[in-house]
Amino acid sequence: MTEYSSHDWRKNTDDAIVVDTQSKNEMKVNESKVIFKHPKSLQVEEVDVSRLIRVFVNNQESNKRSVK
């Protein structure tokens, strides 16, 4: 697999979903964001879930140790 830019990647996650493990509610990945407080800067960050998938796949392809 080749690395994808962010504008290419959303077409690959169009049918992907995020599932709440307790309520089993489903959300479309391309319409979802993760909002969290950065542990070092303590600033609130927003990241598109589709971008997280892109980073995960690219890291997995590069055999990075941080991908589990």
C-alpha atoms as a PDB file:
ATOM      1  CA  MET A   1       0.000   0.000   0.000  1.00  0.00           C
ATOM      2  CA  THR A   2       1.283   3.471  -0.796  1.00  0.00           C
ATOM      3  CA  GLU A   3       1.036   6.463   1.508  1.00  0.00           C
ATOM      4  CA  TYR A   4      -2.059   8.566   1.037  1.00  0.00           C
ATOM      5  CA  SER A   5      -2.486  12.278   1.447  1.00  0.00           C
ATOM      6  CA  SER A   6      -5.375  13.473   3.585  1.00  0.00           C
ATOM      7  CA  HIS A   7      -7.486  14.480   0.583  1.00  0.00           C
ATOM      8  CA  ASP A   8      -7.168  10.984  -0.937  1.00  0.00           C
ATOM      9  CA  TRP A   9      -7.807   9.062   2.242  1.00  0.00           C
ATOM     10  CA  ARG A  10     -11.449   9.970   2.955  1.00  0.00           C
ATOM     11  CA  LYS A  11     -12.600   7.977  -0.082  1.00  0.00           C
ATOM     12  CA  ASN A  12     -11.042   4.888   1.553  1.00  0.00           C
ATOM     13  CA  THR A  13     -12.934   5.395   4.807  1.00  0.00           C
ATOM     14  CA  ASP A  14     -16.323   6.302   3.329  1.00  0.00           C
ATOM     15  CA  ASP A  15     -17.960   3.049   4.494  1.00  0.00           C
ATOM     16  CA  ALA A  16     -16.061   2.831   7.813  1.00  0.00           C
ATOM     17  CA  ILE A  17     -17.900   3.318  11.099  1.00  0.00           C
ATOM     18  CA  VAL A  18     -17.056   4.089  14.721  1.00  0.00           C
ATOM     19  CA  VAL A  19     -18.980   2.041  17.288  1.00  0.00           C
ATOM     20  CA  ASP A  20     -19.646   2.989  20.908  1.00  0.00           C
ATOM     21  CA  THR A  21     -18.822  -0.193  22.813  1.00  0.00           C
ATOM     22  CA  GLN A  22     -21.491   0.359  25.466  1.00  0.00           C
ATOM     23  CA  SER A  23     -24.500   1.647  23.547  1.00  0.00           C
ATOM     24  CA  LYS A  24     -23.536   0.113  20.166  1.00  0.00           C
ATOM     25  CA  ASN A  25     -24.332   3.443  18.471  1.00  0.00           C
ATOM     26  CA  GLU A  26     -22.637   3.819  15.107  1.00  0.00           C
ATOM     27  CA  MET A  27     -21.137   6.964  13.565  1.00  0.00           C
ATOM     28  CA  LYS A  28     -19.613   7.435  10.127  1.00  0.00           C
ATOM     29  CA  VAL A  29     -15.833   7.821  10.295  1.00  0.00           C
ATOM     30  CA  ASN A  30     -15.738  10.675   7.774  1.00  0.00           C
ATOM     31  CA  GLU A  31     -18.140  12.656   9.964  1.00  0.00           C
ATOM     32  CA  SER A  32     -16.336  11.988  13.270  1.00  0.00           C
ATOM     33  CA  LYS A  33     -13.569  13.689  15.217  1.00  0.00           C
ATOM     34  CA  VAL A  34     -11.602  12.876  18.335  1.00  0.00           C
ATOM     35  CA  ILE A  35     -11.353  15.783  20.776  1.00  0.00           C
ATOM     36  CA  PHE A  36      -8.826  15.416  23.583  1.00  0.00           C
ATOM     37  CA  LYS A  37      -6.450  17.300  25.833  1.00  0.00           C
ATOM     38  CA  HIS A  38      -2.847  16.879  24.652  1.00  0.00           C
ATOM     39  CA  PRO A  39      -0.918  15.351  27.579  1.00  0.00           C
ATOM     40  CA  LYS A  40       2.188  17.522  27.074  1.00  0.00           C
ATOM     41  CA  SER A  41       0.825  20.900  25.966  1.00  0.00           C
ATOM     42  CA  LEU A  42      -2.499  20.526  27.835  1.00  0.00           C
ATOM     43  CA  GLN A  43      -4.234  22.163  24.871  1.00  0.00           C
ATOM     44  CA  VAL A  44      -7.477  20.765  23.474  1.00  0.00           C
ATOM     45  CA  GLU A  45      -6.856  19.081  20.114  1.00  0.00           C
ATOM     46  CA  GLU A  46      -9.216  17.871  17.365  1.00  0.00           C
ATOM     47  CA  VAL A  47      -8.305  15.126  14.906  1.00  0.00           C
ATOM     48  CA  ASP A  48     -10.470  13.641  12.157  1.00  0.00           C
ATOM     49  CA  VAL A  49     -10.947   9.906  12.719  1.00  0.00           C
ATOM     50  CA  SER A  50     -10.193   9.286   9.027  1.00  0.00           C
ATOM     51  CA  ARG A  51      -6.786  10.909   9.563  1.00  0.00           C
ATOM     52  CA  LEU A  52      -6.096   8.591  12.506  1.00  0.00           C
ATOM     53  CA  ILE A  53      -6.865   5.612  10.278  1.00  0.00           C
ATOM     54  CA  ARG A  54      -4.529   6.965   7.582  1.00  0.00           C
ATOM     55  CA  VAL A  55      -1.709   7.413  10.109  1.00  0.00           C
ATOM     56  CA  PHE A  56      -2.325   3.945  11.562  1.00  0.00           C
ATOM     57  CA  VAL A  57      -2.186   2.249   8.155  1.00  0.00           C
ATOM     58  CA  ASN A  58       0.880   4.191   7.026  1.00  0.00           C
ATOM     59  CA  ASN A  59       2.689   3.402  10.290  1.00  0.00           C
ATOM     60  CA  GLN A  60       1.719  -0.248  10.057  1.00  0.00           C
ATOM     61  CA  GLU A  61       3.100  -0.404   6.524  1.00  0.00           C
ATOM     62  CA  SER A  62       6.333   1.198   7.757  1.00  0.00           C
ATOM     63  CA  ASN A  63       6.538  -1.389  10.574  1.00  0.00           C
ATOM     64  CA  LYS A  64       6.538   1.236  13.303  1.00  0.00           C
ATOM     65  CA  ARG A  65       6.655  -0.158  16.838  1.00  0.00           C
ATOM     66  CA  SER A  66       3.941   2.189  18.097  1.00  0.00           C
ATOM     67  CA  VAL A  67       1.202   0.516  16.039  1.00  0.00           C
ATOM     68  CA  LYS A  68      -0.469  -2.322  17.893  1.00  0.00           C
END
